[in-house]
PDB file of N, CA and C in Angstrom:
ATOM      1  N   UNK A   1      -7.846  45.174  21.573  1.00  0.00           N
ATOM      2  CA  UNK A   1      -7.996  44.493  20.331  1.00  0.00           C
ATOM      3  C   UNK A   1      -8.410  45.395  19.326  1.00  0.00           C
ATOM      4  N   UNK A   2      -7.555  45.706  18.018  1.00  0.00           N
ATOM      5  CA  UNK A   2      -7.919  46.930  17.165  1.00  0.00           C
ATOM      6  C   UNK A   2      -8.953  46.612  16.543  1.00  0.00           C
ATOM      7  N   UNK A   3      -9.606  47.906  16.005  1.00  0.00           N
ATOM      8  CA  UNK A   3     -10.759  47.994  14.854  1.00  0.00           C
ATOM      9  C   UNK A   3     -10.466  48.002  13.398  1.00  0.00           C
ATOM     10  N   UNK A   4     -10.622  47.231  12.923  1.00  0.00           N
ATOM     11  CA  UNK A   4     -10.350  47.515  11.150  1.00  0.00           C
ATOM     12  C   UNK A   4     -11.470  47.773  10.326  1.00  0.00           C
ATOM     13  N   UNK A   5     -11.048  48.463   9.256  1.00  0.00           N
ATOM     14  CA  UNK A   5     -11.896  48.619   8.056  1.00  0.00           C
ATOM     15  C   UNK A   5     -11.244  48.396   6.829  1.00  0.00           C
ATOM     16  N   UNK A   6     -11.599  47.153   6.046  1.00  0.00           N
ATOM     17  CA  UNK A   6     -10.651  46.894   4.660  1.00  0.00           C
ATOM     18  C   UNK A   6     -11.481  47.674   3.700  1.00  0.00           C
ATOM     19  N   UNK A   7     -10.619  48.372   2.799  1.00  0.00           N
ATOM     20  CA  UNK A   7     -11.195  49.276   1.842  1.00  0.00           C
ATOM     21  C   UNK A   7     -11.633  48.402   0.578  1.00  0.00           C
ATOM     22  N   UNK A   8     -12.081  48.967  -0.467  1.00  0.00           N
ATOM     23  CA  UNK A   8     -12.657  48.283  -1.508  1.00  0.00           C
ATOM     24  C   UNK A   8     -12.015  47.125  -2.275  1.00  0.00           C
ATOM     25  N   UNK A   9     -10.834  47.713  -2.194  1.00  0.00           N
ATOM     26  CA  UNK A   9      -9.889  46.729  -2.891  1.00  0.00           C
ATOM     27  C   UNK A   9      -8.917  45.954  -2.525  1.00  0.00           C
ATOM     28  N   UNK A  10      -9.372  45.691  -1.252  1.00  0.00           N
ATOM     29  CA  UNK A  10      -8.623  44.986  -0.164  1.00  0.00           C
ATOM     30  C   UNK A  10      -8.552  43.568  -0.475  1.00  0.00           C
ATOM     31  N   UNK A  11      -7.397  42.610  -0.451  1.00  0.00           N
ATOM     32  CA  UNK A  11      -7.525  41.275  -0.666  1.00  0.00           C
ATOM     33  C   UNK A  11      -8.470  40.712  -0.101  1.00  0.00           C
ATOM     34  N   UNK A  12      -9.527  40.180  -0.569  1.00  0.00           N
ATOM     35  CA  UNK A  12     -10.659  39.322   0.182  1.00  0.00           C
ATOM     36  C   UNK A  12      -9.821  38.153   0.851  1.00  0.00           C
ATOM     37  N   UNK A  13      -8.871  37.349   0.115  1.00  0.00           N
ATOM     38  CA  UNK A  13      -8.309  36.073   0.917  1.00  0.00           C
ATOM     39  C   UNK A  13      -7.690  36.836   1.882  1.00  0.00           C
ATOM     40  N   UNK A  14      -7.269  38.094   2.385  1.00  0.00           N
ATOM     41  CA  UNK A  14      -6.462  38.393   3.497  1.00  0.00           C
ATOM     42  C   UNK A  14      -7.874  38.578   4.689  1.00  0.00           C
ATOM     43  N   UNK A  15      -9.011  39.088   4.280  1.00  0.00           N
ATOM     44  CA  UNK A  15      -9.842  39.318   5.341  1.00  0.00           C
ATOM     45  C   UNK A  15     -10.469  37.834   5.575  1.00  0.00           C
ATOM     46  N   UNK A  16     -10.246  37.203   4.536  1.00  0.00           N
ATOM     47  CA  UNK A  16     -11.147  35.770   5.191  1.00  0.00           C
ATOM     48  C   UNK A  16     -10.323  35.325   5.921  1.00  0.00           C
ATOM     49  N   UNK A  17      -8.807  35.493   5.573  1.00  0.00           N
ATOM     50  CA  UNK A  17      -7.940  34.287   6.348  1.00  0.00           C
ATOM     51  C   UNK A  17      -8.185  35.123   7.615  1.00  0.00           C
ATOM     52  N   UNK A  18      -8.176  36.422   8.034  1.00  0.00           N
ATOM     53  CA  UNK A  18      -8.120  37.142   9.459  1.00  0.00           C
ATOM     54  C   UNK A  18      -9.540  36.096  10.159  1.00  0.00           C
ATOM     55  N   UNK A  19     -10.709  36.572   9.523  1.00  0.00           N
ATOM     56  CA  UNK A  19     -12.018  36.124   9.831  1.00  0.00           C
ATOM     57  C   UNK A  19     -12.093  34.794  10.355  1.00  0.00           C
ATOM     58  N   UNK A  20     -11.471  33.630   9.618  1.00  0.00           N
ATOM     59  CA  UNK A  20     -11.368  32.438   9.987  1.00  0.00           C
ATOM     60  C   UNK A  20     -10.319  32.177  10.937  1.00  0.00           C
ATOM     61  N   UNK A  21      -9.541  32.535  10.935  1.00  0.00           N
ATOM     62  CA  UNK A  21      -8.477  32.411  12.096  1.00  0.00           C
ATOM     63  C   UNK A  21      -8.489  32.763  13.641  1.00  0.00           C
ATOM     64  N   UNK A  22      -9.497  34.026  13.504  1.00  0.00           N
ATOM     65  CA  UNK A  22      -9.903  34.911  14.471  1.00  0.00           C
ATOM     66  C   UNK A  22     -11.146  35.516  14.412  1.00  0.00           C
ATOM     67  N   UNK A  23     -12.260  34.499  14.383  1.00  0.00           N
ATOM     68  CA  UNK A  23     -13.773  35.026  14.307  1.00  0.00           C
ATOM     69  C   UNK A  23     -13.972  36.267  15.021  1.00  0.00           C
ATOM     70  N   UNK A  24     -13.461  36.580  16.029  1.00  0.00           N
ATOM     71  CA  UNK A  24     -13.986  37.677  16.834  1.00  0.00           C
ATOM     72  C   UNK A  24     -13.111  38.776  16.481  1.00  0.00           C
ATOM     73  N   UNK A  25     -12.224  39.040  15.503  1.00  0.00           N
ATOM     74  CA  UNK A  25     -11.467  40.269  15.173  1.00  0.00           C
ATOM     75  C   UNK A  25     -12.462  41.108  14.607  1.00  0.00           C
ATOM     76  N   UNK A  26     -11.997  42.476  15.123  1.00  0.00           N
ATOM     77  CA  UNK A  26     -13.063  43.505  14.899  1.00  0.00           C
ATOM     78  C   UNK A  26     -12.512  43.882  13.535  1.00  0.00           C
ATOM     79  N   UNK A  27     -13.652  43.491  12.384  1.00  0.00           N
ATOM     80  CA  UNK A  27     -13.030  43.814  11.034  1.00  0.00           C
ATOM     81  C   UNK A  27     -14.483  43.981  10.009  1.00  0.00           C
ATOM     82  N   UNK A  28     -14.744  45.050   9.501  1.00  0.00           N
ATOM     83  CA  UNK A  28     -15.275  45.247   8.443  1.00  0.00           C
ATOM     84  C   UNK A  28     -15.053  45.627   7.272  1.00  0.00           C
ATOM     85  N   UNK A  29     -15.818  45.283   5.967  1.00  0.00           N
ATOM     86  CA  UNK A  29     -15.540  45.673   4.779  1.00  0.00           C
ATOM     87  C   UNK A  29     -16.167  46.997   4.563  1.00  0.00           C
ATOM     88  N   UNK A  30     -15.565  48.063   3.557  1.00  0.00           N
ATOM     89  CA  UNK A  30     -16.302  48.720   2.972  1.00  0.00           C
ATOM     90  C   UNK A  30     -17.598  48.422   2.629  1.00  0.00           C
ATOM     91  N   UNK A  31     -17.793  47.240   1.917  1.00  0.00           N
ATOM     92  CA  UNK A  31     -18.693  46.677   1.223  1.00  0.00           C
ATOM     93  C   UNK A  31     -20.145  46.671   2.181  1.00  0.00           C
ATOM     94  N   UNK A  32     -19.651  46.321   3.450  1.00  0.00           N
ATOM     95  CA  UNK A  32     -20.685  45.643   4.371  1.00  0.00           C
ATOM     96  C   UNK A  32     -21.045  46.999   4.890  1.00  0.00           C
ATOM     97  N   UNK A  33     -20.829  48.249   5.163  1.00  0.00           N
ATOM     98  CA  UNK A  33     -20.785  49.340   6.003  1.00  0.00           C
ATOM     99  C   UNK A  33     -21.853  50.351   4.622  1.00  0.00           C
ATOM    100  N   UNK A  34     -21.765  49.900   3.400  1.00  0.00           N
ATOM    101  CA  UNK A  34     -22.342  50.928   2.330  1.00  0.00           C
ATOM    102  C   UNK A  34     -21.285  52.214   1.813  1.00  0.00           C
ATOM    103  N   UNK A  35     -20.171  51.824   1.789  1.00  0.00           N
ATOM    104  CA  UNK A  35     -19.572  52.602   1.395  1.00  0.00           C
ATOM    105  C   UNK A  35     -18.715  52.274   0.145  1.00  0.00           C
ATOM    106  N   UNK A  36     -19.537  51.159  -0.693  1.00  0.00           N
ATOM    107  CA  UNK A  36     -18.975  51.008  -2.031  1.00  0.00           C
ATOM    108  C   UNK A  36     -18.788  52.402  -2.744  1.00  0.00           C
ATOM    109  N   UNK A  37     -17.740  52.299  -4.035  1.00  0.00           N
ATOM    110  CA  UNK A  37     -17.799  53.017  -4.279  1.00  0.00           C
ATOM    111  C   UNK A  37     -17.214  54.674  -3.749  1.00  0.00           C
ATOM    112  N   UNK A  38     -16.952  54.438  -2.397  1.00  0.00           N
ATOM    113  CA  UNK A  38     -16.610  56.069  -1.917  1.00  0.00           C
ATOM    114  C   UNK A  38     -15.712  56.618  -2.124  1.00  0.00           C
ATOM    115  N   UNK A  39     -15.008  57.546  -2.099  1.00  0.00           N
ATOM    116  CA  UNK A  39     -13.396  57.956  -2.434  1.00  0.00           C
ATOM    117  C   UNK A  39     -12.766  57.809  -1.266  1.00  0.00           C
ATOM    118  N   UNK A  40     -11.117  58.071  -1.258  1.00  0.00           N
ATOM    119  CA  UNK A  40     -10.322  57.817  -0.255  1.00  0.00           C
ATOM    120  C   UNK A  40     -10.695  58.546   0.856  1.00  0.00           C
ATOM    121  N   UNK A  41     -11.065  59.811   0.806  1.00  0.00           N
ATOM    122  CA  UNK A  41     -11.163  60.757   1.668  1.00  0.00           C
ATOM    123  C   UNK A  41     -12.411  60.343   2.498  1.00  0.00           C
ATOM    124  N   UNK A  42     -13.630  60.119   1.840  1.00  0.00           N
ATOM    125  CA  UNK A  42     -14.808  59.556   2.682  1.00  0.00           C
ATOM    126  C   UNK A  42     -14.422  58.276   2.950  1.00  0.00           C
ATOM    127  N   UNK A  43     -13.866  57.565   2.883  1.00  0.00           N
ATOM    128  CA  UNK A  43     -13.099  56.076   3.455  1.00  0.00           C
ATOM    129  C   UNK A  43     -12.587  56.135   5.001  1.00  0.00           C
ATOM    130  N   UNK A  44     -11.686  57.389   4.425  1.00  0.00           N
ATOM    131  CA  UNK A  44     -11.119  57.806   5.894  1.00  0.00           C
ATOM    132  C   UNK A  44     -11.865  58.475   6.807  1.00  0.00           C
ATOM    133  N   UNK A  45     -12.743  59.126   6.398  1.00  0.00           N
ATOM    134  CA  UNK A  45     -13.418  60.258   7.098  1.00  0.00           C
ATOM    135  C   UNK A  45     -14.662  59.154   8.275  1.00  0.00           C
ATOM    136  N   UNK A  46     -15.206  58.094   7.511  1.00  0.00           N
ATOM    137  CA  UNK A  46     -16.023  57.107   8.017  1.00  0.00           C
ATOM    138  C   UNK A  46     -15.223  56.388   9.150  1.00  0.00           C
ATOM    139  N   UNK A  47     -14.101  56.029   8.808  1.00  0.00           N
ATOM    140  CA  UNK A  47     -13.075  55.329   9.485  1.00  0.00           C
ATOM    141  C   UNK A  47     -12.658  55.934  10.727  1.00  0.00           C
ATOM    142  N   UNK A  48     -12.556  57.327  10.613  1.00  0.00           N
ATOM    143  CA  UNK A  48     -12.491  58.233  11.659  1.00  0.00           C
ATOM    144  C   UNK A  48     -13.508  58.100  12.578  1.00  0.00           C
ATOM    145  N   UNK A  49     -14.854  58.246  11.858  1.00  0.00           N
ATOM    146  CA  UNK A  49     -15.809  58.465  12.850  1.00  0.00           C
ATOM    147  C   UNK A  49     -16.623  57.047  13.986  1.00  0.00           C
ATOM    148  N   UNK A  50     -15.976  55.913  12.944  1.00  0.00           N
ATOM    149  CA  UNK A  50     -16.062  54.469  13.718  1.00  0.00           C
ATOM    150  C   UNK A  50     -14.957  54.138  14.242  1.00  0.00           C
ATOM    151  N   UNK A  51     -13.761  54.923  14.476  1.00  0.00           N
ATOM    152  CA  UNK A  51     -12.714  54.915  14.948  1.00  0.00           C
ATOM    153  C   UNK A  51     -12.284  53.065  14.684  1.00  0.00           C
ATOM    154  N   UNK A  52     -11.586  53.421  13.305  1.00  0.00           N
ATOM    155  CA  UNK A  52     -11.302  52.050  12.679  1.00  0.00           C
ATOM    156  C   UNK A  52     -10.286  52.099  11.878  1.00  0.00           C
ATOM    157  N   UNK A  53      -9.120  51.594  11.984  1.00  0.00           N
ATOM    158  CA  UNK A  53      -8.015  51.449  11.222  1.00  0.00           C
ATOM    159  C   UNK A  53      -8.067  50.986   9.929  1.00  0.00           C
ATOM    160  N   UNK A  54      -7.878  51.716   8.953  1.00  0.00           N
ATOM    161  CA  UNK A  54      -7.922  51.365   7.263  1.00  0.00           C
ATOM    162  C   UNK A  54      -7.098  50.161   7.019  1.00  0.00           C
ATOM    163  N   UNK A  55      -7.341  49.369   6.603  1.00  0.00           N
ATOM    164  CA  UNK A  55      -6.568  48.222   5.681  1.00  0.00           C
ATOM    165  C   UNK A  55      -6.397  48.685   3.952  1.00  0.00           C
ATOM    166  N   UNK A  56      -5.497  48.958   3.619  1.00  0.00           N
ATOM    167  CA  UNK A  56      -5.335  49.111   2.128  1.00  0.00           C
ATOM    168  C   UNK A  56      -4.143  48.569   1.240  1.00  0.00           C
ATOM    169  N   UNK A  57      -4.237  48.372   0.026  1.00  0.00           N
ATOM    170  CA  UNK A  57      -3.209  48.196  -0.659  1.00  0.00           C
ATOM    171  C   UNK A  57      -2.797  49.516  -1.746  1.00  0.00           C
ATOM    172  N   UNK A  58      -3.271  50.450  -1.367  1.00  0.00           N
ATOM    173  CA  UNK A  58      -3.322  51.627  -1.907  1.00  0.00           C
ATOM    174  C   UNK A  58      -2.187  52.468  -1.434  1.00  0.00           C
ATOM    175  N   UNK A  59      -0.592  52.519  -1.750  1.00  0.00           N
ATOM    176  CA  UNK A  59       0.401  53.291  -1.356  1.00  0.00           C
ATOM    177  C   UNK A  59       0.345  54.739  -2.272  1.00  0.00           C
ATOM    178  N   UNK A  60      -0.523  55.056  -3.056  1.00  0.00           N
ATOM    179  CA  UNK A  60      -0.245  56.439  -3.856  1.00  0.00           C
ATOM    180  C   UNK A  60      -1.283  57.405  -3.288  1.00  0.00           C
ATOM    181  N   UNK A  61      -2.465  56.872  -3.364  1.00  0.00           N
ATOM    182  CA  UNK A  61      -3.294  58.061  -3.221  1.00  0.00           C
ATOM    183  C   UNK A  61      -4.102  58.084  -1.491  1.00  0.00           C
ATOM    184  N   UNK A  62      -4.211  56.658  -1.137  1.00  0.00           N
ATOM    185  CA  UNK A  62      -4.423  56.582   0.436  1.00  0.00           C
ATOM    186  C   UNK A  62      -3.691  56.956   1.373  1.00  0.00           C
ATOM    187  N   UNK A  63      -2.524  56.914   1.341  1.00  0.00           N
ATOM    188  CA  UNK A  63      -1.428  57.381   2.108  1.00  0.00           C
ATOM    189  C   UNK A  63      -1.418  58.816   1.971  1.00  0.00           C
ATOM    190  N   UNK A  64      -1.582  59.414   0.754  1.00  0.00           N
ATOM    191  CA  UNK A  64      -1.379  60.987   0.593  1.00  0.00           C
ATOM    192  C   UNK A  64      -2.666  61.860   1.409  1.00  0.00           C
ATOM    193  N   UNK A  65      -3.979  60.992   1.320  1.00  0.00           N
ATOM    194  CA  UNK A  65      -5.410  61.606   2.244  1.00  0.00           C
ATOM    195  C   UNK A  65      -4.946  61.183   3.475  1.00  0.00           C
ATOM    196  N   UNK A  66      -4.373  60.097   4.225  1.00  0.00           N
ATOM    197  CA  UNK A  66      -4.020  60.120   5.462  1.00  0.00           C
ATOM    198  C   UNK A  66      -3.102  60.816   6.137  1.00  0.00           C
ATOM    199  N   UNK A  67      -1.910  61.393   5.619  1.00  0.00           N
ATOM    200  CA  UNK A  67      -1.337  62.388   5.857  1.00  0.00           C
ATOM    201  C   UNK A  67      -1.723  63.679   5.952  1.00  0.00           C
ATOM    202  N   UNK A  68      -2.667  64.031   4.895  1.00  0.00           N
ATOM    203  CA  UNK A  68      -3.565  65.433   4.663  1.00  0.00           C
ATOM    204  C   UNK A  68      -4.385  65.442   6.185  1.00  0.00           C
ATOM    205  N   UNK A  69      -5.125  64.308   6.544  1.00  0.00           N
ATOM    206  CA  UNK A  69      -5.901  64.489   7.960  1.00  0.00           C
ATOM    207  C   UNK A  69      -4.957  64.678   8.857  1.00  0.00           C
ATOM    208  N   UNK A  70      -3.738  64.019   8.812  1.00  0.00           N
ATOM    209  CA  UNK A  70      -3.134  63.976  10.124  1.00  0.00           C
ATOM    210  C   UNK A  70      -2.708  65.391  10.285  1.00  0.00           C
ATOM    211  N   UNK A  71      -1.879  65.954   8.742  1.00  0.00           N
ATOM    212  CA  UNK A  71      -1.860  67.633   9.052  1.00  0.00           C
ATOM    213  C   UNK A  71      -2.287  68.406   9.310  1.00  0.00           C
ATOM    214  N   UNK A  72      -3.867  68.129   9.215  1.00  0.00           N
ATOM    215  CA  UNK A  72      -4.976  68.977   9.295  1.00  0.00           C
ATOM    216  C   UNK A  72      -5.191  68.757  10.902  1.00  0.00           C
ATOM    217  N   UNK A  73      -4.837  67.777  11.495  1.00  0.00           N
ATOM    218  CA  UNK A  73      -5.555  67.942  12.495  1.00  0.00           C
ATOM    219  C   UNK A  73      -6.709  66.910  12.716  1.00  0.00           C
ATOM    220  N   UNK A  74      -7.250  66.396  11.630  1.00  0.00           N
ATOM    221  CA  UNK A  74      -8.290  65.645  12.025  1.00  0.00           C
ATOM    222  C   UNK A  74      -8.056  64.028  12.317  1.00  0.00           C
ATOM    223  N   UNK A  75      -9.221  63.628  12.860  1.00  0.00           N
ATOM    224  CA  UNK A  75      -9.014  62.134  13.376  1.00  0.00           C
ATOM    225  C   UNK A  75      -8.314  61.326  12.490  1.00  0.00           C
ATOM    226  N   UNK A  76      -7.376  60.705  12.802  1.00  0.00           N
ATOM    227  CA  UNK A  76      -7.121  59.576  11.749  1.00  0.00           C
ATOM    228  C   UNK A  76      -6.572  58.122  12.529  1.00  0.00           C
ATOM    229  N   UNK A  77      -7.564  57.326  12.559  1.00  0.00           N
ATOM    230  CA  UNK A  77      -7.398  56.068  13.736  1.00  0.00           C
ATOM    231  C   UNK A  77      -5.996  55.233  13.282  1.00  0.00           C
ATOM    232  N   UNK A  78      -5.298  55.180  11.990  1.00  0.00           N
ATOM    233  CA  UNK A  78      -4.330  54.690  11.572  1.00  0.00           C
ATOM    234  C   UNK A  78      -4.434  54.208  10.074  1.00  0.00           C
ATOM    235  N   UNK A  79      -3.839  54.094   9.546  1.00  0.00           N
ATOM    236  CA  UNK A  79      -3.634  53.277   8.094  1.00  0.00           C
ATOM    237  C   UNK A  79      -2.580  52.049   7.950  1.00  0.00           C
ATOM    238  N   UNK A  80      -3.194  50.765   7.735  1.00  0.00           N
ATOM    239  CA  UNK A  80      -2.222  49.845   7.493  1.00  0.00           C
ATOM    240  C   UNK A  80      -2.016  49.459   5.937  1.00  0.00           C
ATOM    241  N   UNK A  81      -0.970  50.003   5.568  1.00  0.00           N
ATOM    242  CA  UNK A  81      -0.660  49.835   3.801  1.00  0.00           C
ATOM    243  C   UNK A  81      -0.036  48.377   3.933  1.00  0.00           C
ATOM    244  N   UNK A  82      -0.876  47.528   3.333  1.00  0.00           N
ATOM    245  CA  UNK A  82      -0.580  46.033   2.967  1.00  0.00           C
ATOM    246  C   UNK A  82       0.315  45.777   1.563  1.00  0.00           C
ATOM    247  N   UNK A  83       1.239  45.254   1.455  1.00  0.00           N
ATOM    248  CA  UNK A  83       1.933  44.999   0.361  1.00  0.00           C
ATOM    249  C   UNK A  83       0.954  44.036  -0.759  1.00  0.00           C
ATOM    250  N   UNK A  84       0.473  44.259  -1.718  1.00  0.00           N
ATOM    251  CA  UNK A  84      -0.395  43.469  -2.455  1.00  0.00           C
ATOM    252  C   UNK A  84       0.398  42.187  -3.098  1.00  0.00           C
ATOM    253  N   UNK A  85       1.743  42.373  -2.785  1.00  0.00           N
ATOM    254  CA  UNK A  85       2.924  41.167  -3.753  1.00  0.00           C
ATOM    255  C   UNK A  85       3.312  40.285  -2.861  1.00  0.00           C
ATOM    256  N   UNK A  86       2.966  40.666  -1.280  1.00  0.00           N
ATOM    257  CA  UNK A  86       3.459  39.831  -0.501  1.00  0.00           C
ATOM    258  C   UNK A  86       2.359  38.547  -0.083  1.00  0.00           C
ATOM    259  N   UNK A  87       2.815  37.448   0.368  1.00  0.00           N
ATOM    260  CA  UNK A  87       2.077  36.212   0.680  1.00  0.00           C
ATOM    261  C   UNK A  87       0.887  36.529   1.375  1.00  0.00           C
ATOM    262  N   UNK A  88      -0.242  36.187   1.121  1.00  0.00           N
ATOM    263  CA  UNK A  88      -1.366  36.278   1.776  1.00  0.00           C
ATOM    264  C   UNK A  88      -1.096  35.579   3.480  1.00  0.00           C
ATOM    265  N   UNK A  89      -0.694  34.574   3.692  1.00  0.00           N
ATOM    266  CA  UNK A  89      -0.605  34.438   4.957  1.00  0.00           C
ATOM    267  C   UNK A  89       0.234  34.887   5.808  1.00  0.00           C
ATOM    268  N   UNK A  90       1.656  35.789   5.082  1.00  0.00           N
ATOM    269  CA  UNK A  90       2.415  36.765   6.167  1.00  0.00           C
ATOM    270  C   UNK A  90       1.774  37.620   6.194  1.00  0.00           C
ATOM    271  N   UNK A  91       0.698  38.401   5.130  1.00  0.00           N
ATOM    272  CA  UNK A  91       0.029  39.748   5.893  1.00  0.00           C
ATOM    273  C   UNK A  91      -0.843  38.903   6.947  1.00  0.00           C
ATOM    274  N   UNK A  92      -1.573  38.033   6.680  1.00  0.00           N
ATOM    275  CA  UNK A  92      -2.404  37.491   8.067  1.00  0.00           C
ATOM    276  C   UNK A  92      -1.730  37.678   9.166  1.00  0.00           C
ATOM    277  N   UNK A  93      -0.547  36.507   9.298  1.00  0.00           N
ATOM    278  CA  UNK A  93       0.160  36.448  10.502  1.00  0.00           C
ATOM    279  C   UNK A  93       0.521  38.162  10.981  1.00  0.00           C
ATOM    280  N   UNK A  94       0.913  39.074  10.207  1.00  0.00           N
ATOM    281  CA  UNK A  94       1.606  40.204  10.868  1.00  0.00           C
ATOM    282  C   UNK A  94       0.032  41.134  11.459  1.00  0.00           C
ATOM    283  N   UNK A  95      -0.791  41.211  10.427  1.00  0.00           N
ATOM    284  CA  UNK A  95      -1.849  41.800  11.240  1.00  0.00           C
ATOM    285  C   UNK A  95      -2.737  41.231  12.220  1.00  0.00           C
ATOM    286  N   UNK A  96      -2.557  39.832  12.723  1.00  0.00           N
ATOM    287  CA  UNK A  96      -3.056  38.827  13.886  1.00  0.00           C
ATOM    288  C   UNK A  96      -1.847  39.457  14.694  1.00  0.00           C
ATOM    289  N   UNK A  97      -0.651  39.493  14.531  1.00  0.00           N
ATOM    290  CA  UNK A  97       0.331  40.017  15.626  1.00  0.00           C
ATOM    291  C   UNK A  97       0.040  41.599  16.365  1.00  0.00           C
ATOM    292  N   UNK A  98      -0.294  41.981  15.322  1.00  0.00           N
ATOM    293  CA  UNK A  98      -0.601  43.401  15.693  1.00  0.00           C
ATOM    294  C   UNK A  98      -2.060  43.707  16.609  1.00  0.00           C
ATOM    295  N   UNK A  99      -2.927  42.623  16.241  1.00  0.00           N
ATOM    296  CA  UNK A  99      -3.883  42.661  16.999  1.00  0.00           C
ATOM    297  C   UNK A  99      -3.493  41.959  18.315  1.00  0.00           C
ATOM    298  N   UNK A 100      -2.938  41.156  18.619  1.00  0.00           N
ATOM    299  CA  UNK A 100      -2.637  40.717  19.602  1.00  0.00           C
ATOM    300  C   UNK A 100      -1.547  41.200  20.889  1.00  0.00           C
ATOM    301  N   UNK A 101      -1.014  42.245  20.166  1.00  0.00           N
ATOM    302  CA  UNK A 101       0.064  42.592  21.176  1.00  0.00           C
ATOM    303  C   UNK A 101       0.301  44.165  21.358  1.00  0.00           C
ATOM    304  N   UNK A 102      -0.854  44.786  20.433  1.00  0.00           N
ATOM    305  CA  UNK A 102      -1.054  46.267  20.481  1.00  0.00           C
ATOM    306  C   UNK A 102      -2.464  46.480  21.111  1.00  0.00           C
ATOM    307  N   UNK A 103      -2.580  48.049  21.514  1.00  0.00           N
ATOM    308  CA  UNK A 103      -3.849  48.575  21.656  1.00  0.00           C
ATOM    309  C   UNK A 103      -4.197  49.393  20.487  1.00  0.00           C
ATOM    310  N   UNK A 104      -5.511  49.670  20.266  1.00  0.00           N
ATOM    311  CA  UNK A 104      -5.769  50.063  18.991  1.00  0.00           C
ATOM    312  C   UNK A 104      -5.374  51.773  18.993  1.00  0.00           C
ATOM    313  N   UNK A 105      -5.404  52.295  20.210  1.00  0.00           N
ATOM    314  CA  UNK A 105      -4.776  53.674  20.409  1.00  0.00           C
ATOM    315  C   UNK A 105      -3.282  54.121  20.031  1.00  0.00           C
ATOM    316  N   UNK A 106      -2.916  53.262  19.877  1.00  0.00           N
ATOM    317  CA  UNK A 106      -1.439  53.330  19.703  1.00  0.00           C
ATOM    318  C   UNK A 106      -1.162  53.809  18.099  1.00  0.00           C
ATOM    319  N   UNK A 107      -2.010  53.230  17.248  1.00  0.00           N
ATOM    320  CA  UNK A 107      -1.997  53.512  15.933  1.00  0.00           C
ATOM    321  C   UNK A 107      -2.491  54.664  15.401  1.00  0.00           C
ATOM    322  N   UNK A 108      -3.314  55.582  16.684  1.00  0.00           N
ATOM    323  CA  UNK A 108      -3.751  57.040  15.867  1.00  0.00           C
ATOM    324  C   UNK A 108      -2.891  57.751  15.194  1.00  0.00           C
ATOM    325  N   UNK A 109      -2.818  58.577  14.092  1.00  0.00           N
ATOM    326  CA  UNK A 109      -2.058  59.312  13.349  1.00  0.00           C
ATOM    327  C   UNK A 109      -0.790  58.532  12.858  1.00  0.00           C
ATOM    328  N   UNK A 110      -0.820  57.122  12.600  1.00  0.00           N
ATOM    329  CA  UNK A 110       0.345  56.633  12.227  1.00  0.00           C
ATOM    330  C   UNK A 110      -0.114  55.765  11.014  1.00  0.00           C
ATOM    331  N   UNK A 111       0.925  55.800  10.143  1.00  0.00           N
ATOM    332  CA  UNK A 111       0.822  54.579   8.430  1.00  0.00           C
ATOM    333  C   UNK A 111       1.942  53.292   8.893  1.00  0.00           C
ATOM    334  N   UNK A 112       1.593  52.546   8.790  1.00  0.00           N
ATOM    335  CA  UNK A 112       2.060  51.312   9.015  1.00  0.00           C
ATOM    336  C   UNK A 112       2.224  50.506   7.355  1.00  0.00           C
ATOM    337  N   UNK A 113       3.388  50.167   7.330  1.00  0.00           N
ATOM    338  CA  UNK A 113       3.699  49.484   5.810  1.00  0.00           C
ATOM    339  C   UNK A 113       3.946  47.773   6.273  1.00  0.00           C
ATOM    340  N   UNK A 114       3.143  47.139   6.136  1.00  0.00           N
ATOM    341  CA  UNK A 114       2.903  45.394   6.264  1.00  0.00           C
ATOM    342  C   UNK A 114       3.391  44.843   4.910  1.00  0.00           C
ATOM    343  N   UNK A 115       3.601  43.788   4.868  1.00  0.00           N
ATOM    344  CA  UNK A 115       4.194  42.566   5.940  1.00  0.00           C
ATOM    345  C   UNK A 115       5.350  43.423   6.629  1.00  0.00           C
ATOM    346  N   UNK A 116       6.032  43.272   8.013  1.00  0.00           N
ATOM    347  CA  UNK A 116       7.005  43.770   8.395  1.00  0.00           C
ATOM    348  C   UNK A 116       8.314  42.987   7.367  1.00  0.00           C
ATOM    349  N   UNK A 117       9.726  43.572   7.273  1.00  0.00           N
ATOM    350  CA  UNK A 117      10.728  43.051   6.809  1.00  0.00           C
ATOM    351  C   UNK A 117      10.947  41.767   7.721  1.00  0.00           C
ATOM    352  N   UNK A 118      11.743  40.668   7.173  1.00  0.00           N
ATOM    353  CA  UNK A 118      12.093  39.448   7.892  1.00  0.00           C
ATOM    354  C   UNK A 118      13.613  39.640   8.040  1.00  0.00           C
ATOM    355  N   UNK A 119      14.062  39.103   9.161  1.00  0.00           N
ATOM    356  CA  UNK A 119      15.347  39.151   9.629  1.00  0.00           C
ATOM    357  C   UNK A 119      15.941  38.043   8.904  1.00  0.00           C
TER     358      UNK A 119
END
């Protein structure tokens, strides 16, 4: 099972759907852990300390900071960049699929863009 942290602006419909469909999923929101208003590097630092993959819609700055952590050799449990124009259901399906068939450690130092392209 993967461990997730949804950043401050992550679509609440996706997090609610994840929790509804899989109540046991290891998911917390930045608001629940006192990270409201914390900048991207701070969110990534907290996620690394708690071994959580970050869910974000931020392709611009969050990906840059994640890549900086990787380049510096700092812990980076993973970053899932979720397209905020994709359907909520598709995003939920892809995250639940990842949770079902992968191990948390597989995502270390990786950035993944979701949802996956359809064939």
